[in-house]
Amino acid sequence: MECLEILVSVFRRLGMEVFTGTWPALPASDYAVLLPLVDVYDLHADNQPGVEIQYVRINLFTQENYLPLVHRLLPLLRQNDLTITERRYIGHDPKTGYHHYAVEVALAVDPH
């Protein structure tokens, strides 16, 4: 399964709206935007890729306290074999009232 497919199913389990590559015009109070970063072939044997690693940034937006959402999300990511490579609080936008929290994940898949 591809990284984006896994992430969409995770956010459906959380009951959150999720978008890929675009921000919604009229967002809900909690939503996520997935940004595919890069797909790389890190391991090679005989000039053939041995594994493909897919990296995706999850941008979480919430108008409530972001910590309960993050604490529900992180175990689900790990349960789905996603490696969390970075987590960071981006900030609060006083105009919209949204907290922005980013999580970057990686998934190793068979390229064949």
C-alpha atoms as a PDB file:
ATOM      1  CA  MET A   1       0.000   0.000   0.000  1.00  0.00           C
ATOM      2  CA  GLU A   2       1.233   3.503  -0.787  1.00  0.00           C
ATOM      3  CA  CYS A   3       1.999   6.042   1.933  1.00  0.00           C
ATOM      4  CA  LEU A   4      -0.801   8.420   0.911  1.00  0.00           C
ATOM      5  CA  GLU A   5      -3.366   5.602   0.925  1.00  0.00           C
ATOM      6  CA  ILE A   6      -2.353   4.627   4.446  1.00  0.00           C
ATOM      7  CA  LEU A   7      -2.506   8.222   5.667  1.00  0.00           C
ATOM      8  CA  VAL A   8      -5.957   8.827   4.170  1.00  0.00           C
ATOM      9  CA  SER A   9      -7.261   5.707   5.938  1.00  0.00           C
ATOM     10  CA  VAL A  10      -5.681   6.852   9.238  1.00  0.00           C
ATOM     11  CA  PHE A  11      -7.417  10.226   9.058  1.00  0.00           C
ATOM     12  CA  ARG A  12     -10.722   8.586   8.156  1.00  0.00           C
ATOM     13  CA  ARG A  13     -10.364   6.499  11.331  1.00  0.00           C
ATOM     14  CA  LEU A  14      -9.845   9.745  13.256  1.00  0.00           C
ATOM     15  CA  GLY A  15     -12.949  11.244  11.604  1.00  0.00           C
ATOM     16  CA  MET A  16     -10.959  14.132  10.128  1.00  0.00           C
ATOM     17  CA  GLU A  17     -11.110  15.753   6.724  1.00  0.00           C
ATOM     18  CA  VAL A  18      -7.926  15.154   4.746  1.00  0.00           C
ATOM     19  CA  PHE A  19      -6.678  16.851   1.583  1.00  0.00           C
ATOM     20  CA  THR A  20      -3.712  16.026  -0.624  1.00  0.00           C
ATOM     21  CA  GLY A  21      -1.576  18.870  -1.942  1.00  0.00           C
ATOM     22  CA  THR A  22      -4.255  21.573  -1.644  1.00  0.00           C
ATOM     23  CA  TRP A  23      -5.742  23.601   1.164  1.00  0.00           C
ATOM     24  CA  PRO A  24      -9.550  23.667   1.474  1.00  0.00           C
ATOM     25  CA  ALA A  25     -11.538  26.834   0.825  1.00  0.00           C
ATOM     26  CA  LEU A  26     -13.885  26.278   3.773  1.00  0.00           C
ATOM     27  CA  PRO A  27     -12.076  24.009   6.222  1.00  0.00           C
ATOM     28  CA  ALA A  28     -13.518  22.231   9.239  1.00  0.00           C
ATOM     29  CA  SER A  29     -12.297  22.954  12.762  1.00  0.00           C
ATOM     30  CA  ASP A  30      -9.793  20.050  12.415  1.00  0.00           C
ATOM     31  CA  TYR A  31      -8.278  18.973   9.114  1.00  0.00           C
ATOM     32  CA  ALA A  32      -5.069  17.658   7.587  1.00  0.00           C
ATOM     33  CA  VAL A  33      -3.201  18.461   4.377  1.00  0.00           C
ATOM     34  CA  LEU A  34      -0.820  15.803   3.034  1.00  0.00           C
ATOM     35  CA  LEU A  35       2.155  16.969   0.985  1.00  0.00           C
ATOM     36  CA  PRO A  36       4.189  14.281  -0.764  1.00  0.00           C
ATOM     37  CA  LEU A  37       7.829  15.331  -0.387  1.00  0.00           C
ATOM     38  CA  VAL A  38       9.965  12.821  -2.268  1.00  0.00           C
ATOM     39  CA  ASP A  39      10.235   9.168  -3.283  1.00  0.00           C
ATOM     40  CA  VAL A  40      13.801   7.860  -3.163  1.00  0.00           C
ATOM     41  CA  TYR A  41      15.640   4.634  -3.867  1.00  0.00           C
ATOM     42  CA  ASP A  42      18.033   4.456  -0.923  1.00  0.00           C
ATOM     43  CA  LEU A  43      19.317   0.919  -1.287  1.00  0.00           C
ATOM     44  CA  HIS A  44      20.751  -0.483  -4.506  1.00  0.00           C
ATOM     45  CA  ALA A  45      21.989  -3.906  -5.563  1.00  0.00           C
ATOM     46  CA  ASP A  46      23.269  -4.591  -9.082  1.00  0.00           C
ATOM     47  CA  ASN A  47      22.133  -1.088 -10.094  1.00  0.00           C
ATOM     48  CA  GLN A  48      18.545  -2.019  -9.227  1.00  0.00           C
ATOM     49  CA  PRO A  49      16.548  -0.284  -6.493  1.00  0.00           C
ATOM     50  CA  GLY A  50      16.146  -2.517  -3.480  1.00  0.00           C
ATOM     51  CA  VAL A  51      13.627  -0.361  -1.630  1.00  0.00           C
ATOM     52  CA  GLU A  52      11.624   2.786  -2.331  1.00  0.00           C
ATOM     53  CA  ILE A  53      11.134   5.213   0.550  1.00  0.00           C
ATOM     54  CA  GLN A  54       8.167   7.576   0.328  1.00  0.00           C
ATOM     55  CA  TYR A  55       8.248  10.750   2.426  1.00  0.00           C
ATOM     56  CA  VAL A  56       5.107  12.759   3.217  1.00  0.00           C
ATOM     57  CA  ARG A  57       4.554  15.850   5.372  1.00  0.00           C
ATOM     58  CA  ILE A  58       1.316  15.859   7.345  1.00  0.00           C
ATOM     59  CA  ASN A  59       0.099  19.385   8.095  1.00  0.00           C
ATOM     60  CA  LEU A  60      -2.413  19.306  10.954  1.00  0.00           C
ATOM     61  CA  PHE A  61      -4.700  22.272  11.533  1.00  0.00           C
ATOM     62  CA  THR A  62      -6.963  22.589  14.558  1.00  0.00           C
ATOM     63  CA  GLN A  63      -8.731  25.399  16.330  1.00  0.00           C
ATOM     64  CA  GLU A  64      -8.598  23.491  19.614  1.00  0.00           C
ATOM     65  CA  ASN A  65      -5.646  22.302  21.678  1.00  0.00           C
ATOM     66  CA  TYR A  66      -3.495  20.353  19.180  1.00  0.00           C
ATOM     67  CA  LEU A  67      -1.908  17.982  21.737  1.00  0.00           C
ATOM     68  CA  PRO A  68      -4.844  15.518  22.110  1.00  0.00           C
ATOM     69  CA  LEU A  69      -5.016  15.210  18.321  1.00  0.00           C
ATOM     70  CA  VAL A  70      -1.268  14.571  18.066  1.00  0.00           C
ATOM     71  CA  HIS A  71      -1.418  11.985  20.880  1.00  0.00           C
ATOM     72  CA  ARG A  72      -4.193  10.095  19.010  1.00  0.00           C
ATOM     73  CA  LEU A  73      -2.404  10.352  15.649  1.00  0.00           C
ATOM     74  CA  LEU A  74       1.141   9.220  16.488  1.00  0.00           C
ATOM     75  CA  PRO A  75       0.253   5.669  17.666  1.00  0.00           C
ATOM     76  CA  LEU A  76      -1.879   5.157  14.543  1.00  0.00           C
ATOM     77  CA  LEU A  77       1.043   6.161  12.342  1.00  0.00           C
ATOM     78  CA  ARG A  78       3.345   3.694  14.092  1.00  0.00           C
ATOM     79  CA  GLN A  79       0.721   0.902  13.938  1.00  0.00           C
ATOM     80  CA  ASN A  80       0.647   1.343  10.148  1.00  0.00           C
ATOM     81  CA  ASP A  81       4.436   0.882   9.794  1.00  0.00           C
ATOM     82  CA  LEU A  82       5.113   4.557   9.160  1.00  0.00           C
ATOM     83  CA  THR A  83       8.379   5.965  10.474  1.00  0.00           C
ATOM     84  CA  ILE A  84       8.012   9.402  12.061  1.00  0.00           C
ATOM     85  CA  THR A  85      11.028  11.401  10.908  1.00  0.00           C
ATOM     86  CA  GLU A  86      10.107  14.834  12.284  1.00  0.00           C
ATOM     87  CA  ARG A  87       7.467  16.583  14.401  1.00  0.00           C
ATOM     88  CA  ARG A  88       7.212  20.308  14.929  1.00  0.00           C
ATOM     89  CA  TYR A  89       4.786  22.978  16.028  1.00  0.00           C
ATOM     90  CA  ILE A  90       4.672  25.595  13.277  1.00  0.00           C
ATOM     91  CA  GLY A  91       2.587  28.176  15.101  1.00  0.00           C
ATOM     92  CA  HIS A  92      -0.806  29.745  15.682  1.00  0.00           C
ATOM     93  CA  ASP A  93      -2.502  31.973  13.114  1.00  0.00           C
ATOM     94  CA  PRO A  94      -4.445  34.647  15.030  1.00  0.00           C
ATOM     95  CA  LYS A  95      -6.513  35.573  11.944  1.00  0.00           C
ATOM     96  CA  THR A  96      -7.938  32.082  11.412  1.00  0.00           C
ATOM     97  CA  GLY A  97      -7.499  30.704  14.937  1.00  0.00           C
ATOM     98  CA  TYR A  98      -5.754  27.548  13.693  1.00  0.00           C
ATOM     99  CA  HIS A  99      -2.792  25.851  15.335  1.00  0.00           C
ATOM    100  CA  HIS A 100      -0.458  24.327  12.712  1.00  0.00           C
ATOM    101  CA  TYR A 101       1.493  21.192  13.600  1.00  0.00           C
ATOM    102  CA  ALA A 102       3.597  19.243  11.077  1.00  0.00           C
ATOM    103  CA  VAL A 103       4.599  15.592  11.154  1.00  0.00           C
ATOM    104  CA  GLU A 104       6.861  14.063   8.518  1.00  0.00           C
ATOM    105  CA  VAL A 105       6.634  10.337   7.903  1.00  0.00           C
ATOM    106  CA  ALA A 106       8.406   7.786   5.739  1.00  0.00           C
ATOM    107  CA  LEU A 107       7.332   4.417   4.397  1.00  0.00           C
ATOM    108  CA  ALA A 108       9.586   1.803   2.828  1.00  0.00           C
ATOM    109  CA  VAL A 109       7.914  -0.104  -0.010  1.00  0.00           C
ATOM    110  CA  ASP A 110       9.035  -2.719  -2.499  1.00  0.00           C
ATOM    111  CA  PRO A 111       9.693  -0.929  -5.817  1.00  0.00           C
ATOM    112  CA  HIS A 112       8.959  -4.047  -7.866  1.00  0.00           C
END
